[in-house]
PDB file of N, CA and C in Angstrom:
ATOM      1  N   MET A   1     157.351 214.698 341.212  1.00  0.00           N
ATOM      2  CA  MET A   1     157.754 214.170 339.854  1.00  0.00           C
ATOM      3  C   MET A   1     158.240 212.703 339.752  1.00  0.00           C
ATOM      4  N   SER A   2     158.389 212.220 338.373  1.00  0.00           N
ATOM      5  CA  SER A   2     158.330 210.626 337.989  1.00  0.00           C
ATOM      6  C   SER A   2     159.867 210.465 338.630  1.00  0.00           C
ATOM      7  N   THR A   3     159.484 208.702 339.147  1.00  0.00           N
ATOM      8  CA  THR A   3     160.946 208.243 339.225  1.00  0.00           C
ATOM      9  C   THR A   3     162.146 208.095 338.136  1.00  0.00           C
ATOM     10  N   ASP A   4     161.239 208.155 337.390  1.00  0.00           N
ATOM     11  CA  ASP A   4     161.876 208.092 335.516  1.00  0.00           C
ATOM     12  C   ASP A   4     162.785 209.420 335.625  1.00  0.00           C
ATOM     13  N   ASN A   5     162.195 210.463 336.176  1.00  0.00           N
ATOM     14  CA  ASN A   5     162.756 211.696 335.493  1.00  0.00           C
ATOM     15  C   ASN A   5     163.463 212.205 336.350  1.00  0.00           C
ATOM     16  N   LEU A   6     163.831 211.677 338.116  1.00  0.00           N
ATOM     17  CA  LEU A   6     164.420 211.635 338.896  1.00  0.00           C
ATOM     18  C   LEU A   6     165.607 211.047 338.675  1.00  0.00           C
ATOM     19  N   ILE A   7     165.769 209.784 338.183  1.00  0.00           N
ATOM     20  CA  ILE A   7     166.628 209.298 337.544  1.00  0.00           C
ATOM     21  C   ILE A   7     167.507 209.570 336.691  1.00  0.00           C
ATOM     22  N   LYS A   8     166.524 209.766 335.653  1.00  0.00           N
ATOM     23  CA  LYS A   8     167.472 210.935 334.022  1.00  0.00           C
ATOM     24  C   LYS A   8     168.555 212.083 334.562  1.00  0.00           C
ATOM     25  N   MET A   9     167.882 212.583 335.636  1.00  0.00           N
ATOM     26  CA  MET A   9     168.329 213.986 336.298  1.00  0.00           C
ATOM     27  C   MET A   9     169.660 213.238 336.888  1.00  0.00           C
ATOM     28  N   ALA A  10     169.738 212.167 337.932  1.00  0.00           N
ATOM     29  CA  ALA A  10     170.588 212.143 339.040  1.00  0.00           C
ATOM     30  C   ALA A  10     171.945 211.599 338.015  1.00  0.00           C
ATOM     31  N   ASN A  11     171.475 210.530 337.088  1.00  0.00           N
ATOM     32  CA  ASN A  11     172.666 210.294 335.679  1.00  0.00           C
ATOM     33  C   ASN A  11     173.330 211.065 335.032  1.00  0.00           C
ATOM     34  N   GLN A  12     172.682 212.151 334.678  1.00  0.00           N
ATOM     35  CA  GLN A  12     172.907 214.079 334.029  1.00  0.00           C
ATOM     36  C   GLN A  12     174.034 214.178 335.264  1.00  0.00           C
ATOM     37  N   ILE A  13     173.511 214.321 336.335  1.00  0.00           N
ATOM     38  CA  ILE A  13     174.614 215.170 337.371  1.00  0.00           C
ATOM     39  C   ILE A  13     175.539 214.086 337.364  1.00  0.00           C
ATOM     40  N   ALA A  14     175.586 212.777 337.305  1.00  0.00           N
ATOM     41  CA  ALA A  14     176.988 211.556 337.314  1.00  0.00           C
ATOM     42  C   ALA A  14     177.490 211.911 335.995  1.00  0.00           C
ATOM     43  N   GLN A  15     176.854 212.014 335.118  1.00  0.00           N
ATOM     44  CA  GLN A  15     177.338 212.321 334.056  1.00  0.00           C
ATOM     45  C   GLN A  15     178.633 213.531 333.940  1.00  0.00           C
ATOM     46  N   TYR A  16     178.375 214.482 334.441  1.00  0.00           N
ATOM     47  CA  TYR A  16     178.807 216.072 334.319  1.00  0.00           C
ATOM     48  C   TYR A  16     180.160 215.400 335.024  1.00  0.00           C
ATOM     49  N   PHE A  17     180.175 215.219 336.716  1.00  0.00           N
ATOM     50  CA  PHE A  17     180.615 214.704 336.871  1.00  0.00           C
ATOM     51  C   PHE A  17     182.144 213.406 336.883  1.00  0.00           C
ATOM     52  N   ALA A  18     181.718 212.722 336.102  1.00  0.00           N
ATOM     53  CA  ALA A  18     182.336 211.532 335.873  1.00  0.00           C
ATOM     54  C   ALA A  18     183.811 212.017 335.079  1.00  0.00           C
ATOM     55  N   SER A  19     183.894 213.531 334.905  1.00  0.00           N
ATOM     56  CA  SER A  19     185.270 213.597 334.173  1.00  0.00           C
ATOM     57  C   SER A  19     186.338 213.829 335.459  1.00  0.00           C
ATOM     58  N   GLN A  20     186.131 213.524 336.632  1.00  0.00           N
ATOM     59  CA  GLN A  20     187.335 214.147 337.225  1.00  0.00           C
ATOM     60  C   GLN A  20     188.121 213.082 337.770  1.00  0.00           C
ATOM     61  N   PRO A  21     189.247 213.461 337.622  1.00  0.00           N
ATOM     62  CA  PRO A  21     189.724 212.939 337.512  1.00  0.00           C
ATOM     63  C   PRO A  21     190.300 211.605 338.959  1.00  0.00           C
ATOM     64  N   ASP A  22     189.600 212.143 340.149  1.00  0.00           N
ATOM     65  CA  ASP A  22     189.681 211.509 341.640  1.00  0.00           C
ATOM     66  C   ASP A  22     187.371 211.145 341.600  1.00  0.00           C
ATOM     67  N   GLN A  23     187.485 209.831 341.508  1.00  0.00           N
ATOM     68  CA  GLN A  23     186.248 208.802 341.835  1.00  0.00           C
ATOM     69  C   GLN A  23     185.410 209.320 343.155  1.00  0.00           C
ATOM     70  N   GLU A  24     186.503 209.190 344.205  1.00  0.00           N
ATOM     71  CA  GLU A  24     186.084 209.864 345.704  1.00  0.00           C
ATOM     72  C   GLU A  24     185.854 210.874 345.567  1.00  0.00           C
ATOM     73  N   GLN A  25     185.729 212.171 344.678  1.00  0.00           N
ATOM     74  CA  GLN A  25     186.081 213.181 344.322  1.00  0.00           C
ATOM     75  C   GLN A  25     184.316 213.391 343.898  1.00  0.00           C
ATOM     76  N   ALA A  26     184.476 213.012 342.836  1.00  0.00           N
ATOM     77  CA  ALA A  26     183.016 212.585 341.922  1.00  0.00           C
ATOM     78  C   ALA A  26     182.114 212.003 342.695  1.00  0.00           C
ATOM     79  N   VAL A  27     182.435 211.226 343.294  1.00  0.00           N
ATOM     80  CA  VAL A  27     180.938 210.560 344.724  1.00  0.00           C
ATOM     81  C   VAL A  27     180.411 211.868 345.026  1.00  0.00           C
ATOM     82  N   LEU A  28     181.491 212.278 345.546  1.00  0.00           N
ATOM     83  CA  LEU A  28     180.856 213.927 346.841  1.00  0.00           C
ATOM     84  C   LEU A  28     180.419 214.536 346.275  1.00  0.00           C
ATOM     85  N   SER A  29     180.837 215.210 345.295  1.00  0.00           N
ATOM     86  CA  SER A  29     180.427 215.835 343.815  1.00  0.00           C
ATOM     87  C   SER A  29     178.372 215.913 343.841  1.00  0.00           C
ATOM     88  N   VAL A  30     178.672 214.721 342.961  1.00  0.00           N
ATOM     89  CA  VAL A  30     177.500 214.138 343.442  1.00  0.00           C
ATOM     90  C   VAL A  30     176.336 213.728 344.255  1.00  0.00           C
ATOM     91  N   ARG A  31     176.759 213.623 345.166  1.00  0.00           N
ATOM     92  CA  ARG A  31     176.083 213.621 346.524  1.00  0.00           C
ATOM     93  C   ARG A  31     175.788 214.893 346.696  1.00  0.00           C
ATOM     94  N   ASN A  32     177.085 215.875 346.883  1.00  0.00           N
ATOM     95  CA  ASN A  32     176.349 217.593 347.246  1.00  0.00           C
ATOM     96  C   ASN A  32     175.637 218.445 346.697  1.00  0.00           C
ATOM     97  N   HIS A  33     175.543 217.957 345.113  1.00  0.00           N
ATOM     98  CA  HIS A  33     174.598 218.375 343.733  1.00  0.00           C
ATOM     99  C   HIS A  33     173.142 217.779 344.048  1.00  0.00           C
ATOM    100  N   ILE A  34     172.932 217.161 344.709  1.00  0.00           N
ATOM    101  CA  ILE A  34     171.853 216.371 344.534  1.00  0.00           C
ATOM    102  C   ILE A  34     171.254 216.613 346.325  1.00  0.00           C
ATOM    103  N   GLN A  35     172.525 217.102 347.216  1.00  0.00           N
ATOM    104  CA  GLN A  35     171.652 217.237 348.983  1.00  0.00           C
ATOM    105  C   GLN A  35     171.161 218.855 348.418  1.00  0.00           C
ATOM    106  N   MET A  36     171.878 219.993 347.705  1.00  0.00           N
ATOM    107  CA  MET A  36     172.072 221.024 347.715  1.00  0.00           C
ATOM    108  C   MET A  36     170.950 221.553 346.973  1.00  0.00           C
ATOM    109  N   PHE A  37     170.783 220.844 345.837  1.00  0.00           N
ATOM    110  CA  PHE A  37     169.790 221.645 345.050  1.00  0.00           C
ATOM    111  C   PHE A  37     168.610 220.240 344.293  1.00  0.00           C
ATOM    112  N   TRP A  38     168.309 218.878 345.567  1.00  0.00           N
ATOM    113  CA  TRP A  38     167.010 218.443 345.283  1.00  0.00           C
ATOM    114  C   TRP A  38     166.401 218.412 346.621  1.00  0.00           C
ATOM    115  N   ALA A  39     164.807 218.898 346.727  1.00  0.00           N
ATOM    116  CA  ALA A  39     164.086 218.698 347.571  1.00  0.00           C
ATOM    117  C   ALA A  39     164.170 217.456 348.167  1.00  0.00           C
ATOM    118  N   PRO A  40     163.934 217.355 349.558  1.00  0.00           N
ATOM    119  CA  PRO A  40     163.623 215.822 350.263  1.00  0.00           C
ATOM    120  C   PRO A  40     162.851 215.061 350.069  1.00  0.00           C
ATOM    121  N   SER A  41     162.083 215.009 349.267  1.00  0.00           N
ATOM    122  CA  SER A  41     161.179 214.578 348.990  1.00  0.00           C
ATOM    123  C   SER A  41     161.968 213.522 347.505  1.00  0.00           C
ATOM    124  N   MET A  42     162.356 214.921 346.436  1.00  0.00           N
ATOM    125  CA  MET A  42     163.111 213.537 345.520  1.00  0.00           C
ATOM    126  C   MET A  42     164.381 213.157 346.065  1.00  0.00           C
ATOM    127  N   ARG A  43     164.865 213.221 346.880  1.00  0.00           N
ATOM    128  CA  ARG A  43     165.952 212.499 347.518  1.00  0.00           C
ATOM    129  C   ARG A  43     165.762 211.107 348.025  1.00  0.00           C
ATOM    130  N   LYS A  44     164.815 211.574 348.801  1.00  0.00           N
ATOM    131  CA  LYS A  44     163.451 210.187 349.595  1.00  0.00           C
ATOM    132  C   LYS A  44     163.172 209.136 348.739  1.00  0.00           C
ATOM    133  N   GLU A  45     162.575 210.001 347.424  1.00  0.00           N
ATOM    134  CA  GLU A  45     162.077 209.087 346.396  1.00  0.00           C
ATOM    135  C   GLU A  45     163.383 208.062 345.626  1.00  0.00           C
ATOM    136  N   LEU A  46     164.773 208.684 345.309  1.00  0.00           N
ATOM    137  CA  LEU A  46     165.285 208.242 344.519  1.00  0.00           C
ATOM    138  C   LEU A  46     165.882 207.173 345.329  1.00  0.00           C
ATOM    139  N   LEU A  47     166.348 207.703 347.000  1.00  0.00           N
ATOM    140  CA  LEU A  47     166.572 206.482 348.091  1.00  0.00           C
ATOM    141  C   LEU A  47     165.574 205.050 347.721  1.00  0.00           C
ATOM    142  N   ALA A  48     164.701 205.456 347.928  1.00  0.00           N
ATOM    143  CA  ALA A  48     163.718 204.301 348.083  1.00  0.00           C
ATOM    144  C   ALA A  48     164.002 203.295 345.999  1.00  0.00           C
ATOM    145  N   TRP A  49     163.456 204.238 345.695  1.00  0.00           N
ATOM    146  CA  TRP A  49     163.556 203.371 344.152  1.00  0.00           C
ATOM    147  C   TRP A  49     165.324 202.840 344.324  1.00  0.00           C
ATOM    148  N   GLN A  50     166.338 203.457 344.741  1.00  0.00           N
ATOM    149  CA  GLN A  50     167.671 202.689 344.726  1.00  0.00           C
ATOM    150  C   GLN A  50     167.512 201.141 345.638  1.00  0.00           C
ATOM    151  N   THR A  51     167.244 201.663 346.718  1.00  0.00           N
ATOM    152  CA  THR A  51     167.373 200.561 347.414  1.00  0.00           C
ATOM    153  C   THR A  51     166.180 199.138 347.220  1.00  0.00           C
ATOM    154  N   GLU A  52     165.192 199.562 346.505  1.00  0.00           N
ATOM    155  CA  GLU A  52     164.052 198.122 346.044  1.00  0.00           C
ATOM    156  C   GLU A  52     164.577 197.630 344.785  1.00  0.00           C
ATOM    157  N   HIS A  53     165.161 198.622 344.137  1.00  0.00           N
ATOM    158  CA  HIS A  53     166.001 198.582 342.111  1.00  0.00           C
ATOM    159  C   HIS A  53     167.992 197.780 342.774  1.00  0.00           C
ATOM    160  N   HIS A  54     168.279 197.754 343.251  1.00  0.00           N
ATOM    161  CA  HIS A  54     169.786 197.980 343.841  1.00  0.00           C
ATOM    162  C   HIS A  54     170.812 198.167 342.804  1.00  0.00           C
ATOM    163  N   GLY A  55     169.732 199.833 342.712  1.00  0.00           N
ATOM    164  CA  GLY A  55     170.869 200.670 341.791  1.00  0.00           C
ATOM    165  C   GLY A  55     170.807 200.301 340.186  1.00  0.00           C
ATOM    166  N   GLU A  56     169.578 199.688 339.637  1.00  0.00           N
ATOM    167  CA  GLU A  56     169.562 199.029 338.349  1.00  0.00           C
ATOM    168  C   GLU A  56     169.252 200.719 337.564  1.00  0.00           C
ATOM    169  N   ALA A  57     169.716 200.890 336.942  1.00  0.00           N
ATOM    170  CA  ALA A  57     169.369 201.799 335.780  1.00  0.00           C
ATOM    171  C   ALA A  57     170.169 203.345 336.127  1.00  0.00           C
ATOM    172  N   LEU A  58     170.984 203.165 337.279  1.00  0.00           N
ATOM    173  CA  LEU A  58     171.829 204.318 337.532  1.00  0.00           C
ATOM    174  C   LEU A  58     173.225 204.205 337.722  1.00  0.00           C
ATOM    175  N   HIS A  59     173.903 205.630 337.249  1.00  0.00           N
ATOM    176  CA  HIS A  59     175.103 205.471 336.514  1.00  0.00           C
ATOM    177  C   HIS A  59     176.273 205.057 338.183  1.00  0.00           C
ATOM    178  N   PRO A  60     176.764 204.131 337.781  1.00  0.00           N
ATOM    179  CA  PRO A  60     177.416 203.712 339.445  1.00  0.00           C
ATOM    180  C   PRO A  60     177.886 205.239 339.982  1.00  0.00           C
ATOM    181  N   LEU A  61     178.071 206.679 339.655  1.00  0.00           N
ATOM    182  CA  LEU A  61     178.174 207.392 340.771  1.00  0.00           C
ATOM    183  C   LEU A  61     177.265 207.406 341.230  1.00  0.00           C
ATOM    184  N   VAL A  62     175.792 207.607 340.978  1.00  0.00           N
ATOM    185  CA  VAL A  62     175.145 207.996 341.612  1.00  0.00           C
ATOM    186  C   VAL A  62     174.893 207.064 342.908  1.00  0.00           C
ATOM    187  N   GLN A  63     175.063 205.983 342.498  1.00  0.00           N
ATOM    188  CA  GLN A  63     174.640 204.317 343.349  1.00  0.00           C
ATOM    189  C   GLN A  63     175.985 204.963 344.611  1.00  0.00           C
ATOM    190  N   ALA A  64     176.714 205.190 344.241  1.00  0.00           N
ATOM    191  CA  ALA A  64     177.620 205.455 344.729  1.00  0.00           C
ATOM    192  C   ALA A  64     177.692 206.438 346.183  1.00  0.00           C
ATOM    193  N   ALA A  65     176.605 207.500 345.728  1.00  0.00           N
ATOM    194  CA  ALA A  65     176.239 208.784 346.095  1.00  0.00           C
ATOM    195  C   ALA A  65     175.270 208.486 347.209  1.00  0.00           C
ATOM    196  N   VAL A  66     174.027 207.769 346.276  1.00  0.00           N
ATOM    197  CA  VAL A  66     172.912 207.545 347.271  1.00  0.00           C
ATOM    198  C   VAL A  66     173.299 206.506 348.380  1.00  0.00           C
ATOM    199  N   SER A  67     174.400 205.523 348.280  1.00  0.00           N
ATOM    200  CA  SER A  67     174.280 204.089 349.535  1.00  0.00           C
ATOM    201  C   SER A  67     175.665 204.858 350.598  1.00  0.00           C
ATOM    202  N   GLY A  68     176.054 206.096 350.210  1.00  0.00           N
ATOM    203  CA  GLY A  68     177.357 206.290 350.732  1.00  0.00           C
ATOM    204  C   GLY A  68     177.329 206.786 352.077  1.00  0.00           C
ATOM    205  N   ALA A  69     177.973 206.608 352.767  1.00  0.00           N
ATOM    206  CA  ALA A  69     177.973 207.579 354.477  1.00  0.00           C
ATOM    207  C   ALA A  69     177.057 209.635 353.975  1.00  0.00           C
ATOM    208  N   GLY A  70     176.860 209.434 354.541  1.00  0.00           N
ATOM    209  CA  GLY A  70     176.845 211.040 354.759  1.00  0.00           C
ATOM    210  C   GLY A  70     175.611 211.219 353.749  1.00  0.00           C
ATOM    211  N   TRP A  71     174.712 210.423 353.037  1.00  0.00           N
ATOM    212  CA  TRP A  71     173.180 210.246 352.309  1.00  0.00           C
ATOM    213  C   TRP A  71     172.595 211.050 353.191  1.00  0.00           C
ATOM    214  N   GLU A  72     172.030 211.889 353.225  1.00  0.00           N
ATOM    215  CA  GLU A  72     170.863 212.126 354.134  1.00  0.00           C
ATOM    216  C   GLU A  72     169.453 212.794 352.801  1.00  0.00           C
ATOM    217  N   ALA A  73     168.633 211.508 353.004  1.00  0.00           N
ATOM    218  CA  ALA A  73     167.549 211.349 352.202  1.00  0.00           C
ATOM    219  C   ALA A  73     166.024 212.883 352.245  1.00  0.00           C
TER     220      ALA A  73
END
């Protein structure tokens, strides 16, 4: 899968959870969704891209979810 598609999907997930009033819970929801439904190779690719590009083009919730404690690539 292309990195562009991963970024688009991750941002869509974040937009869905952005309506949660608790920001911390929204980050956890994004992280949990990606860990539950994405293949390890997809998570690893997103993490590598995020590290290389410093989160550019990623929704802030995705940035926090990827760089936060408990992230498993």
